[in-house]
Amino acid sequence: MSARIYQPAKNAMQSGRAGESLWVLEFERERPNNVEPLMGWTSSSDMQVQVKLKFATQQEAVAYAKRNGLGFVVREANSRQQKPSSYADNFRFGRQENWTH
């Protein structure tokens, strides 16, 4: 059984940064999904895919995986690039593009 340890990205619907510091341990899929022929629903007999464990630090997640004998891969989080901007820049004198409503 193998697992993936990562820090989830912020949801597009979120404006705040709550929960960004958590690390998630998620099990890899061992069996493919089954498509039910009558209705076309997708099902799986692999219940470990539903388990998501959250940890405060990466070290805690790695220690849990080692303690339980899980193979794991750690995916480092991408760094955020913030562009500094201010509302006053919309009305700046030397602005290149036209200001429109």
C-alpha atoms as a PDB file:
ATOM      1  CA  MET A   1       0.000   0.000   0.000  1.00  0.00           C
ATOM      2  CA  SER A   2       1.413   3.370  -0.965  1.00  0.00           C
ATOM      3  CA  ALA A   3       0.449   6.856   0.089  1.00  0.00           C
ATOM      4  CA  ARG A   4       0.933  10.419  -1.078  1.00  0.00           C
ATOM      5  CA  ILE A   5       1.816  13.212   1.360  1.00  0.00           C
ATOM      6  CA  TYR A   6       1.200  16.755   0.195  1.00  0.00           C
ATOM      7  CA  GLN A   7       0.115  20.215   1.233  1.00  0.00           C
ATOM      8  CA  PRO A   8      -3.158  21.023  -0.595  1.00  0.00           C
ATOM      9  CA  ALA A   9      -3.456  24.196  -2.635  1.00  0.00           C
ATOM     10  CA  LYS A  10      -5.935  26.888  -1.751  1.00  0.00           C
ATOM     11  CA  ASN A  11      -9.369  26.387  -3.261  1.00  0.00           C
ATOM     12  CA  ALA A  12     -10.340  28.930  -5.924  1.00  0.00           C
ATOM     13  CA  MET A  13     -13.441  29.787  -3.886  1.00  0.00           C
ATOM     14  CA  GLN A  14     -11.432  30.695  -0.792  1.00  0.00           C
ATOM     15  CA  SER A  15     -10.292  34.214  -0.082  1.00  0.00           C
ATOM     16  CA  GLY A  16      -8.474  33.456   3.164  1.00  0.00           C
ATOM     17  CA  ARG A  17      -5.502  31.275   3.964  1.00  0.00           C
ATOM     18  CA  ALA A  18      -7.043  29.023   6.615  1.00  0.00           C
ATOM     19  CA  GLY A  19      -6.029  25.383   6.418  1.00  0.00           C
ATOM     20  CA  GLU A  20      -3.081  25.982   4.082  1.00  0.00           C
ATOM     21  CA  SER A  21      -0.577  24.825   6.653  1.00  0.00           C
ATOM     22  CA  LEU A  22      -2.053  21.310   7.011  1.00  0.00           C
ATOM     23  CA  TRP A  23      -0.442  18.270   5.372  1.00  0.00           C
ATOM     24  CA  VAL A  24      -2.593  15.480   3.929  1.00  0.00           C
ATOM     25  CA  LEU A  25      -1.789  11.774   3.707  1.00  0.00           C
ATOM     26  CA  GLU A  26      -3.858  10.154   0.972  1.00  0.00           C
ATOM     27  CA  PHE A  27      -3.731   6.538  -0.199  1.00  0.00           C
ATOM     28  CA  GLU A  28      -3.045   5.711  -3.841  1.00  0.00           C
ATOM     29  CA  ARG A  29      -5.645   3.790  -5.830  1.00  0.00           C
ATOM     30  CA  GLU A  30      -4.830   0.066  -5.958  1.00  0.00           C
ATOM     31  CA  ARG A  31      -7.702  -1.083  -8.184  1.00  0.00           C
ATOM     32  CA  PRO A  32      -9.366   0.696 -11.095  1.00  0.00           C
ATOM     33  CA  ASN A  33     -12.896   2.061 -10.914  1.00  0.00           C
ATOM     34  CA  ASN A  34     -15.764  -0.112 -12.143  1.00  0.00           C
ATOM     35  CA  VAL A  35     -18.460   1.309 -14.403  1.00  0.00           C
ATOM     36  CA  GLU A  36     -21.892  -0.107 -13.700  1.00  0.00           C
ATOM     37  CA  PRO A  37     -23.350  -1.087 -17.098  1.00  0.00           C
ATOM     38  CA  LEU A  38     -27.019  -0.184 -16.538  1.00  0.00           C
ATOM     39  CA  MET A  39     -26.773   3.318 -15.065  1.00  0.00           C
ATOM     40  CA  GLY A  40     -23.173   4.163 -15.887  1.00  0.00           C
ATOM     41  CA  TRP A  41     -22.293   4.929 -12.280  1.00  0.00           C
ATOM     42  CA  THR A  42     -18.686   4.636 -11.240  1.00  0.00           C
ATOM     43  CA  SER A  43     -17.847   2.513  -8.222  1.00  0.00           C
ATOM     44  CA  SER A  44     -14.761   1.114  -6.587  1.00  0.00           C
ATOM     45  CA  SER A  45     -14.009  -1.748  -4.235  1.00  0.00           C
ATOM     46  CA  ASP A  46     -10.945   0.097  -2.931  1.00  0.00           C
ATOM     47  CA  MET A  47     -12.089   1.781   0.290  1.00  0.00           C
ATOM     48  CA  GLN A  48      -8.670   3.214   1.219  1.00  0.00           C
ATOM     49  CA  VAL A  49      -9.118   5.936  -1.437  1.00  0.00           C
ATOM     50  CA  GLN A  50     -11.775   7.539   0.776  1.00  0.00           C
ATOM     51  CA  VAL A  51      -9.339   8.022   3.671  1.00  0.00           C
ATOM     52  CA  LYS A  52      -7.605  11.412   3.977  1.00  0.00           C
ATOM     53  CA  LEU A  53      -5.565  12.000   7.121  1.00  0.00           C
ATOM     54  CA  LYS A  54      -4.582  15.549   8.050  1.00  0.00           C
ATOM     55  CA  PHE A  55      -1.440  16.440   9.998  1.00  0.00           C
ATOM     56  CA  ALA A  56      -0.069  19.697  11.346  1.00  0.00           C
ATOM     57  CA  THR A  57       3.438  19.140   9.935  1.00  0.00           C
ATOM     58  CA  GLN A  58       5.124  17.144   7.204  1.00  0.00           C
ATOM     59  CA  GLN A  59       7.253  15.329   9.804  1.00  0.00           C
ATOM     60  CA  GLU A  60       4.137  14.027  11.575  1.00  0.00           C
ATOM     61  CA  ALA A  61       2.738  12.641   8.313  1.00  0.00           C
ATOM     62  CA  VAL A  62       6.041  10.962   7.420  1.00  0.00           C
ATOM     63  CA  ALA A  63       6.347   9.501  10.926  1.00  0.00           C
ATOM     64  CA  TYR A  64       2.810   8.075  10.675  1.00  0.00           C
ATOM     65  CA  ALA A  65       3.580   6.464   7.306  1.00  0.00           C
ATOM     66  CA  LYS A  66       6.827   4.942   8.595  1.00  0.00           C
ATOM     67  CA  ARG A  67       5.199   3.734  11.822  1.00  0.00           C
ATOM     68  CA  ASN A  68       2.484   1.915   9.842  1.00  0.00           C
ATOM     69  CA  GLY A  69       4.826   0.524   7.174  1.00  0.00           C
ATOM     70  CA  LEU A  70       3.368   2.532   4.292  1.00  0.00           C
ATOM     71  CA  GLY A  71       5.328   3.379   1.180  1.00  0.00           C
ATOM     72  CA  PHE A  72       4.990   7.092   0.602  1.00  0.00           C
ATOM     73  CA  VAL A  73       5.932   9.941  -1.703  1.00  0.00           C
ATOM     74  CA  VAL A  74       6.204  13.516  -0.419  1.00  0.00           C
ATOM     75  CA  ARG A  75       5.167  16.248  -2.836  1.00  0.00           C
ATOM     76  CA  GLU A  76       6.533  19.625  -1.875  1.00  0.00           C
ATOM     77  CA  ALA A  77       4.154  22.574  -2.048  1.00  0.00           C
ATOM     78  CA  ASN A  78       4.567  25.172  -4.761  1.00  0.00           C
ATOM     79  CA  SER A  79       5.545  28.587  -3.479  1.00  0.00           C
ATOM     80  CA  ARG A  80       3.035  31.393  -3.821  1.00  0.00           C
ATOM     81  CA  GLN A  81       3.971  34.399  -5.921  1.00  0.00           C
ATOM     82  CA  GLN A  82       2.213  37.552  -4.815  1.00  0.00           C
ATOM     83  CA  LYS A  83       2.158  40.612  -7.003  1.00  0.00           C
ATOM     84  CA  PRO A  84       2.059  43.761  -4.890  1.00  0.00           C
ATOM     85  CA  SER A  85      -0.698  46.060  -6.079  1.00  0.00           C
ATOM     86  CA  SER A  86      -2.790  48.859  -4.747  1.00  0.00           C
ATOM     87  CA  TYR A  87      -6.117  50.356  -5.679  1.00  0.00           C
ATOM     88  CA  ALA A  88      -4.451  53.714  -6.346  1.00  0.00           C
ATOM     89  CA  ASP A  89      -2.501  52.171  -9.244  1.00  0.00           C
ATOM     90  CA  ASN A  90      -5.760  52.087 -11.233  1.00  0.00           C
ATOM     91  CA  PHE A  91      -5.704  55.910 -11.350  1.00  0.00           C
ATOM     92  CA  ARG A  92      -1.931  56.436 -11.720  1.00  0.00           C
ATOM     93  CA  PHE A  93      -0.844  59.210 -14.139  1.00  0.00           C
ATOM     94  CA  GLY A  94       1.647  57.161 -16.185  1.00  0.00           C
ATOM     95  CA  ARG A  95      -0.644  54.153 -16.627  1.00  0.00           C
ATOM     96  CA  GLN A  96      -0.094  52.321 -19.962  1.00  0.00           C
ATOM     97  CA  GLU A  97      -3.607  51.077 -20.687  1.00  0.00           C
ATOM     98  CA  ASN A  98      -6.844  53.063 -20.593  1.00  0.00           C
ATOM     99  CA  TRP A  99      -8.946  53.067 -17.468  1.00  0.00           C
ATOM    100  CA  THR A 100     -12.492  51.872 -18.140  1.00  0.00           C
ATOM    101  CA  HIS A 101     -15.506  51.078 -16.023  1.00  0.00           C
END
